[in-house]
Amino acid sequence: MTTPQLHSEIAAAAARLKAGGTVAFPTETVYGLGADISNPTAVRRIFEIKKRPSDHPLIVHMAGSSCLPHWARHVPEQAWRLAEHFWPGPLTLILPRSPCVPENVTGGQDTVGLRVPDHPVALALLGALGPERALAAPSANRFGRISPTTAAHVREELGEAVDMILDGGPCRVGLESTIVGFEGETAIILRPGGIPLAALAEVLNGKVVVAEGAKRTTRVPGSLSSHYAPLTPLGLVSQESIGHQFGSLVLKGLRVALIGWSDQHFPPDIGKNEKVVYFSMPAEPEGYGRQLYAALRQLDQQGFDFLLVETPPDETGWMAIRDRLQRASCISDFKFQIDENDSVRGARNAANETTSG
């Protein structure tokens, strides 16, 4: 698509949004499903398309950090420092909402998630909407399922339910934004994402902590125990046990996809079994995160009975990837205990029940 054509598409998308429509658009993280924040009917349509619970808040996408005072009632110094350093970028700030933010966007909470996406198409779309408008935009997929990182993913999953899809190519980060809230002078990571802990700590002189699930008082996107899940049962398996778990499944005649980032813990003859596919992921977190959702979608469409995923390293740089895989798995540190009389369909359904949103 040429640049004039793309500009024309963006202008058409902005007109759709101003008229109360929904538009899927690219960001650096994942594709979003956007609606004009000021249009309650359009915002409600997002929840209907995604089959998303009404109390699950949406992230508001703005054109720039100068818009912060319009959408937030109070912006602490730490928030300004992070915004100036990381926006545009994969960072969402949780702040007290201004009267301009409707409750149906925030799930009834008095806080709102705000961010400025780092993608030329998203920024051009927000610019075309004007300074007094913003987009309420969760990921453009069914609630609880794998987030889309290409326009094709959106079409496959949502089809004609969306009024328009802007194609901006594959997302370069591939994982959702880091969500940060504030308590006094301390920033709290409520969801790990595209901005790592070390980068936040460097800007805030170390005043950053990771929220413990049981102590969270603010609901944020992607924080449910089951999320980002494929339809195929997914098991997160340690390096030490993956060979044993793989072998027990193959002996039962099941088709298995193995997703790993290292080779030393996998059976040497893995490629010789027609019921098994080994999908090799990058051994560094940036590349792994960029490919993760696309890999899960690809394998989810191939009729495997199980997806076995090698547990990523327990290091801060891998925090977001570990978070997504733990929420996507039907059982953490998977233990396959399928009786010989259990059907494959029965095992598949039992695992899928745990991932419904």
Protein backbone atom coordinates (compact mmCIF):
# COMPACT_ATOMS: atom_id res chain seq x y z
CA MET A 1 0.00 0.00 0.00
CA THR A 2 1.39 3.41 -0.99
CA THR A 3 1.65 6.28 1.46
CA PRO A 4 -1.24 8.27 -0.13
CA GLN A 5 -3.41 5.15 0.08
CA LEU A 6 -2.50 4.65 3.72
CA HIS A 7 -3.30 8.29 4.52
CA SER A 8 -6.65 7.85 2.83
CA GLU A 9 -7.35 4.72 4.90
CA ILE A 10 -6.43 6.54 8.11
CA ALA A 11 -8.74 9.43 7.24
CA ALA A 12 -11.56 6.97 6.53
CA ALA A 13 -10.89 5.18 9.81
CA ALA A 14 -11.02 8.48 11.74
CA ALA A 15 -14.35 9.29 10.09
CA ARG A 16 -15.69 5.86 11.07
CA LEU A 17 -14.65 6.40 14.67
CA LYS A 18 -16.19 9.89 14.83
CA ALA A 19 -19.43 8.38 13.49
CA GLY A 20 -19.50 5.80 16.29
CA GLY A 21 -17.80 2.88 14.56
CA THR A 22 -15.07 0.50 15.67
CA VAL A 23 -11.64 0.28 14.05
CA ALA A 24 -8.84 -2.24 14.60
CA PHE A 25 -5.45 -0.56 14.34
CA PRO A 26 -1.77 -1.49 14.83
CA THR A 27 0.38 -0.47 17.76
CA GLU A 28 3.92 -1.48 18.61
CA THR A 29 2.58 -4.04 21.11
CA VAL A 30 -0.51 -5.74 19.62
CA TYR A 31 -3.43 -4.70 17.41
CA GLY A 32 -6.10 -2.72 19.27
CA LEU A 33 -9.86 -2.56 18.82
CA GLY A 34 -10.66 1.13 19.09
CA ALA A 35 -13.74 3.25 19.73
CA ASP A 36 -14.16 6.96 20.48
CA ILE A 37 -13.95 7.23 24.26
CA SER A 38 -16.78 9.82 24.29
CA ASN A 39 -19.27 7.58 22.47
CA PRO A 40 -20.91 5.15 24.97
CA THR A 41 -22.58 3.11 22.23
CA ALA A 42 -19.28 2.57 20.41
CA VAL A 43 -17.50 1.66 23.66
CA ARG A 44 -20.26 -0.80 24.51
CA ARG A 45 -19.80 -2.34 21.07
CA ILE A 46 -16.16 -3.16 21.96
CA PHE A 47 -17.34 -5.23 24.92
CA GLU A 48 -19.90 -7.00 22.74
CA ILE A 49 -17.43 -7.83 19.95
CA LYS A 50 -14.84 -9.17 22.36
CA LYS A 51 -17.38 -10.81 24.71
CA ARG A 52 -15.55 -8.92 27.43
CA PRO A 53 -16.92 -8.51 30.99
CA SER A 54 -18.19 -4.97 31.54
CA ASP A 55 -16.11 -4.52 34.70
CA HIS A 56 -12.83 -5.24 32.86
CA PRO A 57 -11.28 -1.80 32.15
CA LEU A 58 -10.07 -0.55 28.79
CA ILE A 59 -6.81 1.29 28.09
CA VAL A 60 -7.17 4.78 26.65
CA HIS A 61 -4.81 5.64 23.79
CA MET A 62 -3.82 9.31 23.40
CA ALA A 63 -1.90 11.28 20.80
CA GLY A 64 0.80 12.53 23.19
CA SER A 65 1.82 13.15 26.80
CA SER A 66 0.48 16.72 26.58
CA CYS A 67 -3.01 15.14 26.69
CA LEU A 68 -2.43 13.70 30.17
CA PRO A 69 -4.04 16.56 32.16
CA HIS A 70 -7.20 16.26 30.03
CA TRP A 71 -7.79 12.59 30.85
CA ALA A 72 -6.22 12.32 34.32
CA ARG A 73 -7.29 14.25 37.41
CA HIS A 74 -3.87 14.13 39.04
CA VAL A 75 -0.49 13.23 37.52
CA PRO A 76 2.29 12.57 40.05
CA GLU A 77 5.88 13.53 39.32
CA GLN A 78 6.88 9.87 38.84
CA ALA A 79 4.23 9.47 36.15
CA TRP A 80 5.47 12.53 34.28
CA ARG A 81 9.03 11.20 34.39
CA LEU A 82 7.98 7.86 32.95
CA ALA A 83 5.80 9.47 30.30
CA GLU A 84 8.57 11.81 29.17
CA HIS A 85 11.05 8.95 28.96
CA PHE A 86 8.95 6.11 27.47
CA TRP A 87 6.15 7.73 25.44
CA PRO A 88 5.40 7.02 22.71
CA GLY A 89 5.98 3.43 23.82
CA PRO A 90 4.62 0.26 25.45
CA LEU A 91 3.83 1.81 28.85
CA THR A 92 0.38 2.30 30.42
CA LEU A 93 0.01 4.58 33.43
CA ILE A 94 -2.83 4.06 35.92
CA LEU A 95 -4.01 7.47 37.16
CA PRO A 96 -7.12 9.04 38.73
CA ARG A 97 -9.56 9.57 35.89
CA SER A 98 -10.79 13.03 34.97
CA PRO A 99 -14.50 13.74 34.39
CA CYS A 100 -13.78 13.37 30.66
CA VAL A 101 -13.33 9.59 31.08
CA PRO A 102 -16.64 7.70 31.31
CA GLU A 103 -17.07 4.91 33.89
CA ASN A 104 -17.88 2.36 31.19
CA VAL A 105 -14.28 2.73 29.98
CA THR A 106 -12.77 2.14 33.42
CA GLY A 107 -14.99 -0.75 34.53
CA GLY A 108 -16.55 1.49 37.17
CA GLN A 109 -13.21 2.37 38.79
CA ASP A 110 -12.01 5.87 39.59
CA THR A 111 -8.73 5.24 37.77
CA VAL A 112 -7.90 5.03 34.08
CA GLY A 113 -5.09 3.40 32.10
CA LEU A 114 -3.47 5.85 29.67
CA ARG A 115 -0.80 5.37 27.04
CA VAL A 116 0.68 6.81 23.83
CA PRO A 117 1.34 4.05 21.27
CA ASP A 118 4.60 4.00 19.35
CA HIS A 119 3.36 3.19 15.86
CA PRO A 120 3.09 5.67 12.96
CA VAL A 121 -0.36 4.43 11.91
CA ALA A 122 -1.77 4.61 15.44
CA LEU A 123 -0.32 8.09 15.99
CA ALA A 124 -1.62 9.31 12.63
CA LEU A 125 -5.08 7.95 13.47
CA LEU A 126 -5.09 9.66 16.87
CA GLY A 127 -3.87 12.87 15.24
CA ALA A 128 -6.68 12.72 12.69
CA LEU A 129 -9.23 12.39 15.51
CA GLY A 130 -8.10 15.66 17.10
CA PRO A 131 -6.71 16.71 20.51
CA GLU A 132 -10.01 16.41 22.39
CA ARG A 133 -10.55 12.77 21.42
CA ALA A 134 -8.93 9.49 22.45
CA LEU A 135 -9.46 5.81 21.73
CA ALA A 136 -10.61 3.22 24.22
CA ALA A 137 -8.82 0.19 22.83
CA PRO A 138 -8.22 -3.29 24.21
CA SER A 139 -6.55 -5.95 22.07
CA ALA A 140 -8.50 -6.85 18.93
CA ASN A 141 -9.38 -10.45 19.81
CA ARG A 142 -11.98 -12.43 21.74
CA PHE A 143 -11.65 -11.94 25.47
CA GLY A 144 -9.10 -14.25 27.09
CA ARG A 145 -7.63 -15.49 23.82
CA ILE A 146 -4.32 -14.90 22.04
CA SER A 147 -3.66 -11.25 21.24
CA PRO A 148 -3.28 -10.36 17.52
CA THR A 149 0.03 -9.08 16.18
CA THR A 150 -0.98 -8.78 12.51
CA ALA A 151 -4.05 -7.51 10.67
CA ALA A 152 -4.62 -11.06 9.41
CA HIS A 153 -4.98 -12.27 13.01
CA VAL A 154 -7.73 -9.70 13.56
CA ARG A 155 -9.58 -10.74 10.40
CA GLU A 156 -9.36 -14.43 11.32
CA GLU A 157 -10.80 -13.90 14.77
CA LEU A 158 -13.22 -10.98 14.53
CA GLY A 159 -14.12 -10.99 10.85
CA GLU A 160 -16.83 -8.51 9.87
CA ALA A 161 -17.71 -7.65 13.47
CA VAL A 162 -15.19 -4.78 13.19
CA ASP A 163 -16.13 -1.87 10.94
CA MET A 164 -12.60 -1.40 9.62
CA ILE A 165 -9.10 -2.83 10.02
CA LEU A 166 -6.00 -0.71 9.43
CA ASP A 167 -3.04 -2.83 8.33
CA GLY A 168 0.24 -1.54 9.70
CA GLY A 169 2.27 -4.73 9.38
CA PRO A 170 3.46 -7.02 12.19
CA CYS A 171 3.81 -5.51 15.66
CA ARG A 172 7.46 -5.01 16.57
CA VAL A 173 7.14 -5.66 20.34
CA GLY A 174 4.49 -8.39 20.25
CA LEU A 175 3.55 -8.27 23.95
CA GLU A 176 1.14 -5.88 25.64
CA SER A 177 2.27 -2.73 27.42
CA THR A 178 3.70 -2.63 30.92
CA ILE A 179 1.02 -1.29 33.28
CA VAL A 180 2.24 0.90 36.14
CA GLY A 181 0.32 2.37 39.07
CA PHE A 182 1.56 4.58 41.87
CA GLU A 183 1.57 4.59 45.67
CA GLY A 184 3.30 7.65 47.06
CA GLU A 185 6.70 7.88 45.39
CA THR A 186 6.75 4.21 44.41
CA ALA A 187 5.76 2.91 40.99
CA ILE A 188 4.03 -0.48 41.02
CA ILE A 189 4.10 -2.84 38.06
CA LEU A 190 0.55 -4.17 37.79
CA ARG A 191 1.25 -6.07 34.56
CA PRO A 192 4.72 -6.74 33.11
CA GLY A 193 5.06 -5.90 29.44
CA GLY A 194 7.07 -4.16 26.76
CA ILE A 195 9.05 -1.94 29.18
CA PRO A 196 11.24 -4.11 31.46
CA LEU A 197 11.59 -3.60 35.20
CA ALA A 198 15.23 -2.52 34.92
CA ALA A 199 14.40 0.31 32.50
CA LEU A 200 11.67 1.66 34.81
CA ALA A 201 13.95 1.41 37.84
CA GLU A 202 16.69 3.34 36.07
CA VAL A 203 14.38 6.28 35.38
CA LEU A 204 12.86 6.29 38.89
CA ASN A 205 16.08 5.63 40.81
CA GLY A 206 14.98 2.18 41.85
CA LYS A 207 11.58 3.14 43.26
CA VAL A 208 9.71 0.37 41.43
CA VAL A 209 8.11 -2.81 42.79
CA VAL A 210 6.11 -5.63 41.24
CA ALA A 211 2.59 -5.98 42.62
CA GLU A 212 1.64 -9.22 44.30
CA GLY A 213 -1.59 -10.60 42.86
CA ALA A 214 -3.41 -10.95 46.17
CA LYS A 215 -2.66 -7.35 47.15
CA ARG A 216 -3.83 -5.65 43.97
CA THR A 217 -6.66 -3.20 44.54
CA THR A 218 -6.90 -1.92 40.95
CA ARG A 219 -8.31 -4.06 38.16
CA VAL A 220 -6.17 -3.85 35.03
CA PRO A 221 -6.33 -5.57 31.63
CA GLY A 222 -4.71 -8.99 31.34
CA SER A 223 -4.55 -9.63 35.08
CA LEU A 224 -6.93 -12.60 35.29
CA SER A 225 -5.43 -15.99 36.12
CA SER A 226 -6.46 -17.30 32.70
CA HIS A 227 -5.75 -15.12 29.67
CA TYR A 228 -3.89 -15.00 26.31
CA ALA A 229 -4.91 -18.64 25.82
CA PRO A 230 -5.02 -20.81 22.70
CA LEU A 231 -7.88 -23.27 22.21
CA THR A 232 -5.39 -26.14 22.31
CA PRO A 233 -4.46 -27.09 25.90
CA LEU A 234 -1.11 -25.50 26.72
CA GLY A 235 1.26 -26.79 29.38
CA LEU A 236 4.18 -24.83 30.75
CA VAL A 237 6.87 -27.41 31.54
CA SER A 238 10.25 -27.09 33.23
CA GLN A 239 13.43 -28.00 31.35
CA GLU A 240 14.02 -30.94 33.66
CA SER A 241 10.63 -32.58 33.10
CA ILE A 242 9.84 -31.72 29.50
CA GLY A 243 11.40 -34.90 28.09
CA HIS A 244 9.36 -37.10 30.45
CA GLN A 245 6.10 -35.22 29.82
CA PHE A 246 6.68 -35.31 26.08
CA GLY A 247 7.34 -39.02 26.17
CA SER A 248 4.22 -39.84 28.19
CA LEU A 249 2.01 -37.99 25.73
CA VAL A 250 3.57 -39.57 22.66
CA LEU A 251 3.16 -43.04 24.16
CA LYS A 252 -0.58 -42.34 24.38
CA GLY A 253 -0.66 -41.57 20.67
CA LEU A 254 -1.27 -37.84 21.05
CA ARG A 255 -0.08 -35.15 18.67
CA VAL A 256 2.18 -32.70 20.48
CA ALA A 257 3.84 -29.41 19.59
CA LEU A 258 6.93 -28.55 21.62
CA ILE A 259 7.84 -24.86 21.93
CA GLY A 260 11.32 -24.29 23.27
CA TRP A 261 14.10 -21.75 23.42
CA SER A 262 16.94 -24.20 24.18
CA ASP A 263 17.73 -27.57 22.63
CA GLN A 264 19.70 -29.43 25.27
CA HIS A 265 16.67 -30.74 27.19
CA PHE A 266 14.81 -32.16 24.18
CA PRO A 267 15.04 -35.77 22.96
CA PRO A 268 17.64 -36.07 20.19
CA ASP A 269 15.25 -37.96 17.89
CA ILE A 270 12.38 -35.47 18.31
CA GLY A 271 12.16 -34.69 14.61
CA LYS A 272 11.68 -38.34 13.65
CA ASN A 273 8.23 -38.68 15.24
CA GLU A 274 5.43 -37.71 12.87
CA LYS A 275 3.12 -36.87 15.78
CA VAL A 276 5.51 -34.21 17.14
CA VAL A 277 6.53 -30.77 15.92
CA TYR A 278 9.33 -28.82 17.56
CA PHE A 279 8.97 -25.04 17.28
CA SER A 280 12.21 -23.25 18.14
CA MET A 281 11.90 -19.79 19.68
CA PRO A 282 14.62 -17.12 20.05
CA ALA A 283 16.81 -17.47 23.13
CA GLU A 284 16.59 -13.76 23.96
CA PRO A 285 13.43 -12.14 25.37
CA GLU A 286 12.88 -9.41 22.77
CA GLY A 287 12.79 -11.84 19.86
CA TYR A 288 10.81 -14.41 21.83
CA GLY A 289 8.17 -11.85 22.82
CA ARG A 290 7.87 -10.57 19.25
CA GLN A 291 7.12 -14.08 17.94
CA LEU A 292 5.17 -15.62 20.83
CA TYR A 293 1.55 -14.84 19.91
CA ALA A 294 2.06 -15.54 16.21
CA ALA A 295 3.64 -18.91 17.08
CA LEU A 296 0.79 -19.86 19.41
CA ARG A 297 -1.80 -18.91 16.79
CA GLN A 298 -0.01 -20.89 14.09
CA LEU A 299 0.24 -24.04 16.21
CA ASP A 300 -3.29 -23.63 17.56
CA GLN A 301 -4.63 -24.05 14.02
CA GLN A 302 -2.81 -27.32 13.32
CA GLY A 303 -4.94 -29.74 15.35
CA PHE A 304 -2.45 -30.69 18.05
CA ASP A 305 -3.74 -32.35 21.19
CA PHE A 306 -1.32 -30.42 23.41
CA LEU A 307 1.15 -27.56 23.23
CA LEU A 308 4.15 -28.10 25.50
CA VAL A 309 6.10 -24.92 26.25
CA GLU A 310 9.54 -24.95 27.83
CA THR A 311 9.53 -22.62 30.85
CA PRO A 312 11.47 -19.43 30.06
CA PRO A 313 14.36 -18.32 32.27
CA ASP A 314 13.47 -16.96 35.71
CA GLU A 315 15.06 -13.60 35.00
CA THR A 316 13.58 -10.08 35.09
CA GLY A 317 14.03 -9.62 31.35
CA TRP A 318 11.70 -12.57 30.76
CA MET A 319 9.07 -11.43 33.27
CA ALA A 320 6.40 -10.46 30.74
CA ILE A 321 6.85 -13.66 28.72
CA ARG A 322 6.57 -15.83 31.82
CA ASP A 323 3.46 -13.91 32.86
CA ARG A 324 1.74 -14.47 29.50
CA LEU A 325 2.61 -18.17 29.35
CA GLN A 326 1.49 -18.82 32.93
CA ARG A 327 -1.89 -17.24 32.20
CA ALA A 328 -2.17 -19.07 28.86
CA SER A 329 -1.44 -22.48 30.36
CA CYS A 330 -4.24 -24.71 31.62
CA ILE A 331 -1.90 -25.97 34.34
CA SER A 332 1.35 -24.35 35.45
CA ASP A 333 4.31 -26.77 35.43
CA PHE A 334 2.08 -29.16 33.53
CA LYS A 335 1.54 -32.66 34.92
CA PHE A 336 -0.07 -34.89 32.33
CA GLN A 337 -2.11 -37.52 34.05
CA ILE A 338 -4.48 -38.73 31.38
CA ASP A 339 -5.89 -42.19 31.99
CA GLU A 340 -5.67 -44.59 29.09
CA ASN A 341 -9.46 -44.62 28.82
CA ASP A 342 -9.71 -40.84 28.53
CA SER A 343 -10.45 -39.62 25.03
CA VAL A 344 -8.38 -36.88 23.44
CA ARG A 345 -11.54 -34.80 23.10
CA GLY A 346 -12.23 -35.16 26.81
CA ALA A 347 -8.75 -33.99 27.71
CA ARG A 348 -8.98 -31.09 25.29
CA ASN A 349 -12.35 -29.94 26.66
CA ALA A 350 -11.26 -30.20 30.29
CA ALA A 351 -8.27 -27.97 29.65
CA ASN A 352 -10.27 -25.47 27.59
CA GLU A 353 -12.79 -24.97 30.36
CA THR A 354 -10.05 -23.32 32.44
CA THR A 355 -9.35 -20.72 29.75
CA SER A 356 -12.83 -19.36 29.17
CA GLY A 357 -13.01 -15.62 29.81
